[in-house]
C-alpha atoms as a PDB file:
ATOM      1  CA  MET A   1     114.243  65.872 106.634  1.00  0.00           C
ATOM      2  CA  THR A   2     110.836  67.367 108.373  1.00  0.00           C
ATOM      3  CA  GLU A   3     107.870  67.243 106.952  1.00  0.00           C
ATOM      4  CA  ALA A   4     108.120  70.998 106.399  1.00  0.00           C
ATOM      5  CA  ASP A   5     111.355  70.876 104.457  1.00  0.00           C
ATOM      6  CA  ILE A   6     109.730  67.899 101.957  1.00  0.00           C
ATOM      7  CA  GLN A   7     106.661  70.834 101.574  1.00  0.00           C
ATOM      8  CA  GLU A   8     109.487  73.357 101.115  1.00  0.00           C
ATOM      9  CA  MET A   9     111.373  71.092  98.264  1.00  0.00           C
ATOM     10  CA  ASP A  10     108.095  70.002  96.828  1.00  0.00           C
ATOM     11  CA  ASP A  11     107.148  73.966  96.382  1.00  0.00           C
ATOM     12  CA  VAL A  12     110.938  74.787  94.975  1.00  0.00           C
ATOM     13  CA  PHE A  13     110.474  71.492  92.709  1.00  0.00           C
ATOM     14  CA  LEU A  14     107.273  73.237  91.235  1.00  0.00           C
ATOM     15  CA  ILE A  15     108.140  76.469  90.910  1.00  0.00           C
ATOM     16  CA  ARG A  16     111.354  75.311  88.812  1.00  0.00           C
ATOM     17  CA  ARG A  17     109.004  72.933  87.020  1.00  0.00           C
ATOM     18  CA  PHE A  18     106.611  75.865  85.954  1.00  0.00           C
ATOM     19  CA  ALA A  19     109.300  78.165  85.179  1.00  0.00           C
ATOM     20  CA  GLU A  20     111.203  75.727  83.032  1.00  0.00           C
ATOM     21  CA  GLU A  21     108.540  73.445  81.342  1.00  0.00           C
ATOM     22  CA  ALA A  22     105.311  75.748  81.731  1.00  0.00           C
ATOM     23  CA  ASP A  23     103.794  72.855  83.401  1.00  0.00           C
ATOM     24  CA  ARG A  24     100.257  73.940  84.860  1.00  0.00           C
ATOM     25  CA  GLU A  25      99.344  71.345  86.758  1.00  0.00           C
ATOM     26  CA  ALA A  26     102.855  72.192  88.956  1.00  0.00           C
ATOM     27  CA  LEU A  27     101.417  76.200  89.365  1.00  0.00           C
ATOM     28  CA  GLY A  28      98.145  74.910  89.970  1.00  0.00           C
ATOM     29  CA  LEU A  29      99.210  72.829  92.435  1.00  0.00           C
ATOM     30  CA  LEU A  30     101.527  75.572  93.992  1.00  0.00           C
ATOM     31  CA  PHE A  31      98.317  78.129  93.784  1.00  0.00           C
ATOM     32  CA  ARG A  32      96.190  75.118  95.680  1.00  0.00           C
ATOM     33  CA  ARG A  33      98.466  74.889  98.427  1.00  0.00           C
ATOM     34  CA  HIS A  34      99.118  78.781  98.954  1.00  0.00           C
ATOM     35  CA  ALA A  35      95.752  80.440  97.828  1.00  0.00           C
ATOM     36  CA  ASP A  36      94.216  80.287 101.035  1.00  0.00           C
ATOM     37  CA  MET A  37      96.696  81.491 103.052  1.00  0.00           C
ATOM     38  CA  ALA A  38      97.026  84.576  99.944  1.00  0.00           C
ATOM     39  CA  TYR A  39      93.651  85.509 100.470  1.00  0.00           C
ATOM     40  CA  ARG A  40      93.761  85.631 104.503  1.00  0.00           C
ATOM     41  CA  MET A  41      96.593  87.816 104.068  1.00  0.00           C
ATOM     42  CA  ALA A  42      94.979  90.023 101.802  1.00  0.00           C
ATOM     43  CA  MET A  43      91.788  90.418 103.615  1.00  0.00           C
ATOM     44  CA  ARG A  44      94.316  91.890 106.736  1.00  0.00           C
ATOM     45  CA  TYR A  45      95.588  94.561 104.189  1.00  0.00           C
ATOM     46  CA  LEU A  46      92.459  95.021 102.086  1.00  0.00           C
ATOM     47  CA  ARG A  47      89.138  94.437 104.748  1.00  0.00           C
ATOM     48  CA  ASN A  48      86.777  93.466 101.656  1.00  0.00           C
ATOM     49  CA  ALA A  49      86.468  90.251 100.196  1.00  0.00           C
ATOM     50  CA  SER A  50      85.939  90.881  96.206  1.00  0.00           C
ATOM     51  CA  GLU A  51      89.107  92.929  96.570  1.00  0.00           C
ATOM     52  CA  ALA A  52      91.453  90.272  98.716  1.00  0.00           C
ATOM     53  CA  GLU A  53      89.904  87.874  95.914  1.00  0.00           C
ATOM     54  CA  ASP A  54      91.071  89.892  93.099  1.00  0.00           C
ATOM     55  CA  ALA A  55      94.806  91.126  94.594  1.00  0.00           C
ATOM     56  CA  VAL A  56      95.065  86.920  95.334  1.00  0.00           C
ATOM     57  CA  GLN A  57      94.548  86.710  91.108  1.00  0.00           C
ATOM     58  CA  MET A  58      96.582  89.639  90.444  1.00  0.00           C
ATOM     59  CA  ALA A  59      99.425  88.409  92.778  1.00  0.00           C
ATOM     60  CA  PHE A  60      99.349  84.904  90.967  1.00  0.00           C
ATOM     61  CA  VAL A  61      99.827  86.470  87.674  1.00  0.00           C
ATOM     62  CA  LYS A  62     102.911  88.164  89.104  1.00  0.00           C
ATOM     63  CA  VAL A  63     104.093  85.065  90.419  1.00  0.00           C
ATOM     64  CA  MET A  64     103.498  83.232  86.790  1.00  0.00           C
ATOM     65  CA  GLN A  65     105.312  86.167  85.387  1.00  0.00           C
ATOM     66  CA  GLN A  66     108.063  85.977  87.763  1.00  0.00           C
ATOM     67  CA  ALA A  67     108.548  82.295  88.404  1.00  0.00           C
ATOM     68  CA  GLY A  68     111.865  81.867  85.968  1.00  0.00           C
ATOM     69  CA  ASP A  69     113.131  84.886  88.621  1.00  0.00           C
ATOM     70  CA  TYR A  70     112.709  82.572  91.641  1.00  0.00           C
ATOM     71  CA  ARG A  71     116.275  82.074  93.234  1.00  0.00           C
ATOM     72  CA  GLY A  72     115.580  80.453  96.354  1.00  0.00           C
ATOM     73  CA  ALA A  73     117.035  82.794  98.669  1.00  0.00           C
ATOM     74  CA  ALA A  74     113.546  82.644 100.597  1.00  0.00           C
ATOM     75  CA  GLY A  75     111.489  79.704 101.027  1.00  0.00           C
ATOM     76  CA  VAL A  76     108.751  79.933  98.109  1.00  0.00           C
ATOM     77  CA  ARG A  77     105.966  80.286 100.601  1.00  0.00           C
ATOM     78  CA  SER A  78     107.295  83.371 101.916  1.00  0.00           C
ATOM     79  CA  TRP A  79     108.365  84.306  98.323  1.00  0.00           C
ATOM     80  CA  VAL A  80     104.580  84.374  96.975  1.00  0.00           C
ATOM     81  CA  MET A  81     103.681  85.746 100.284  1.00  0.00           C
ATOM     82  CA  ARG A  82     105.803  89.020  99.162  1.00  0.00           C
ATOM     83  CA  ILE A  83     104.094  88.998  96.255  1.00  0.00           C
ATOM     84  CA  VAL A  84     100.475  89.259  97.490  1.00  0.00           C
ATOM     85  CA  ALA A  85     102.134  91.783 100.008  1.00  0.00           C
ATOM     86  CA  GLY A  86     103.548  93.977  97.563  1.00  0.00           C
ATOM     87  CA  THR A  87     100.062  94.078  95.447  1.00  0.00           C
ATOM     88  CA  CYS A  88      97.953  94.630  98.399  1.00  0.00           C
ATOM     89  CA  VAL A  89     100.222  97.729  98.976  1.00  0.00           C
ATOM     90  CA  ASP A  90      99.689  98.601  95.402  1.00  0.00           C
ATOM     91  CA  MET A  91      96.276  98.738  95.620  1.00  0.00           C
ATOM     92  CA  ILE A  92      95.753 100.492  98.441  1.00  0.00           C
ATOM     93  CA  LYS A  93      97.967 103.241  96.875  1.00  0.00           C
ATOM     94  CA  SER A  94      95.853 103.053  93.694  1.00  0.00           C
ATOM     95  CA  SER A  95      92.387 103.265  95.739  1.00  0.00           C
ATOM     96  CA  VAL A  96      94.419 106.304  97.828  1.00  0.00           C
ATOM     97  CA  ARG A  97      95.060 108.350  94.577  1.00  0.00           C
ATOM     98  CA  ARG A  98      91.755 108.000  92.864  1.00  0.00           C
ATOM     99  CA  ARG A  99      89.711 109.183  96.108  1.00  0.00           C
ATOM    100  CA  THR A 100      92.615 112.102  96.382  1.00  0.00           C
ATOM    101  CA  ARG A 101      91.812 112.693  92.359  1.00  0.00           C
ATOM    102  CA  GLU A 102      87.545 112.400  93.318  1.00  0.00           C
ATOM    103  CA  GLN A 103      87.934 114.640  96.173  1.00  0.00           C
ATOM    104  CA  ARG A 104      89.954 117.635  94.153  1.00  0.00           C
ATOM    105  CA  VAL A 105      87.569 117.488  91.483  1.00  0.00           C
ATOM    106  CA  PHE A 106      84.608 117.868  93.673  1.00  0.00           C
ATOM    107  CA  GLU A 107      86.250 120.299  95.644  1.00  0.00           C
ATOM    108  CA  GLU A 108      87.284 122.381  92.099  1.00  0.00           C
ATOM    109  CA  GLN A 109      83.416 122.441  91.060  1.00  0.00           C
ATOM    110  CA  PRO A 110      82.362 126.595  91.609  1.00  0.00           C
ATOM    111  CA  ALA A 111      80.159 127.045  94.336  1.00  0.00           C
ATOM    112  CA  GLU A 112      76.956 129.475  93.573  1.00  0.00           C
ATOM    113  CA  GLU A 113      76.568 132.194  95.660  1.00  0.00           C
ATOM    114  CA  GLY A 114      74.017 132.567  98.477  1.00  0.00           C
ATOM    115  CA  ALA A 115      71.513 130.350  99.900  1.00  0.00           C
ATOM    116  CA  ALA A 116      71.318 128.541  96.353  1.00  0.00           C
ATOM    117  CA  ALA A 117      75.066 127.639  96.748  1.00  0.00           C
ATOM    118  CA  GLU A 118      74.771 126.501 100.738  1.00  0.00           C
ATOM    119  CA  SER A 119      71.719 124.019  99.303  1.00  0.00           C
ATOM    120  CA  GLY A 120      73.985 122.823  96.026  1.00  0.00           C
ATOM    121  CA  ALA A 121      76.770 122.131  98.150  1.00  0.00           C
ATOM    122  CA  GLU A 122      74.790 120.067 100.444  1.00  0.00           C
ATOM    123  CA  LEU A 123      73.647 118.327  97.577  1.00  0.00           C
ATOM    124  CA  ALA A 124      76.631 117.688  95.915  1.00  0.00           C
ATOM    125  CA  LEU A 125      77.710 116.150  99.289  1.00  0.00           C
ATOM    126  CA  GLN A 126      74.798 113.979  99.424  1.00  0.00           C
ATOM    127  CA  ALA A 127      75.563 113.364  95.064  1.00  0.00           C
ATOM    128  CA  ARG A 128      79.112 112.436  96.094  1.00  0.00           C
ATOM    129  CA  GLN A 129      78.462 110.137  99.163  1.00  0.00           C
ATOM    130  CA  ALA A 130      75.687 108.656  97.208  1.00  0.00           C
ATOM    131  CA  LEU A 131      78.329 107.922  94.391  1.00  0.00           C
ATOM    132  CA  GLU A 132      81.077 106.877  96.892  1.00  0.00           C
ATOM    133  CA  ALA A 133      78.378 104.001  98.235  1.00  0.00           C
ATOM    134  CA  LEU A 134      78.358 102.819  94.845  1.00  0.00           C
ATOM    135  CA  PRO A 135      79.924  99.809  93.634  1.00  0.00           C
ATOM    136  CA  GLU A 136      82.866 100.500  91.570  1.00  0.00           C
ATOM    137  CA  LEU A 137      81.121  98.512  88.646  1.00  0.00           C
ATOM    138  CA  TYR A 138      78.534 101.316  88.725  1.00  0.00           C
ATOM    139  CA  ARG A 139      80.956 104.204  90.477  1.00  0.00           C
ATOM    140  CA  VAL A 140      83.065 104.466  87.457  1.00  0.00           C
ATOM    141  CA  PRO A 141      80.252 104.774  84.487  1.00  0.00           C
ATOM    142  CA  VAL A 142      77.938 107.106  86.331  1.00  0.00           C
ATOM    143  CA  TRP A 143      81.306 109.080  86.880  1.00  0.00           C
ATOM    144  CA  LEU A 144      82.496 109.385  83.515  1.00  0.00           C
ATOM    145  CA  HIS A 145      79.324 110.375  82.255  1.00  0.00           C
ATOM    146  CA  HIS A 146      77.842 112.684  84.500  1.00  0.00           C
ATOM    147  CA  TYR A 147      81.705 114.638  85.988  1.00  0.00           C
ATOM    148  CA  GLU A 148      83.864 113.280  82.535  1.00  0.00           C
ATOM    149  CA  GLY A 149      80.764 114.288  80.162  1.00  0.00           C
ATOM    150  CA  LEU A 150      80.836 111.117  78.051  1.00  0.00           C
ATOM    151  CA  PRO A 151      78.125 110.270  75.993  1.00  0.00           C
ATOM    152  CA  PHE A 152      76.350 106.892  77.247  1.00  0.00           C
ATOM    153  CA  CYS A 153      77.716 104.985  73.778  1.00  0.00           C
ATOM    154  CA  ASP A 154      81.449 106.124  74.642  1.00  0.00           C
ATOM    155  CA  VAL A 155      81.154 105.127  78.676  1.00  0.00           C
ATOM    156  CA  ALA A 156      79.919 101.527  76.945  1.00  0.00           C
ATOM    157  CA  THR A 157      82.807 101.459  74.844  1.00  0.00           C
ATOM    158  CA  ALA A 158      85.350 102.473  77.683  1.00  0.00           C
ATOM    159  CA  MET A 159      83.585  99.873  80.242  1.00  0.00           C
ATOM    160  CA  SER A 160      83.586  97.059  77.488  1.00  0.00           C
ATOM    161  CA  LEU A 161      79.443  97.166  78.508  1.00  0.00           C
ATOM    162  CA  PRO A 162      76.926  96.598  75.682  1.00  0.00           C
END
């Protein structure tokens, strides 16, 4: 038996141990073995360190939830990477849908007439670009207040902020 076979057998043992006995140490070891590769794969998809970290965390939550469904048809490593890839694709789709909705809202804003419309459109474009440049943490509260009309206290509640 090769070292790769032993490694894979160990992974199968770990996933089964977690699924059957909720052994957190087994899951932790499995995570340590595959987290770096999962992160590199997520970076390839998402090209953003914080999004890649989020994807790996979400993927391992799914691994925890689906551990009992693992049947061994594929190796644990490839099974985990498939979950990471699916998580990344879901994040990309979600981001595209969000940006499409935001763009549609900006385009639906009524334009003023004449020179005021031209300068207003230019100003709206600059504001949209500045908003897009903000990290998500800051962009959402600004969006909720200025574009959705929520008062600051409601924005804070929606975002779980003081």
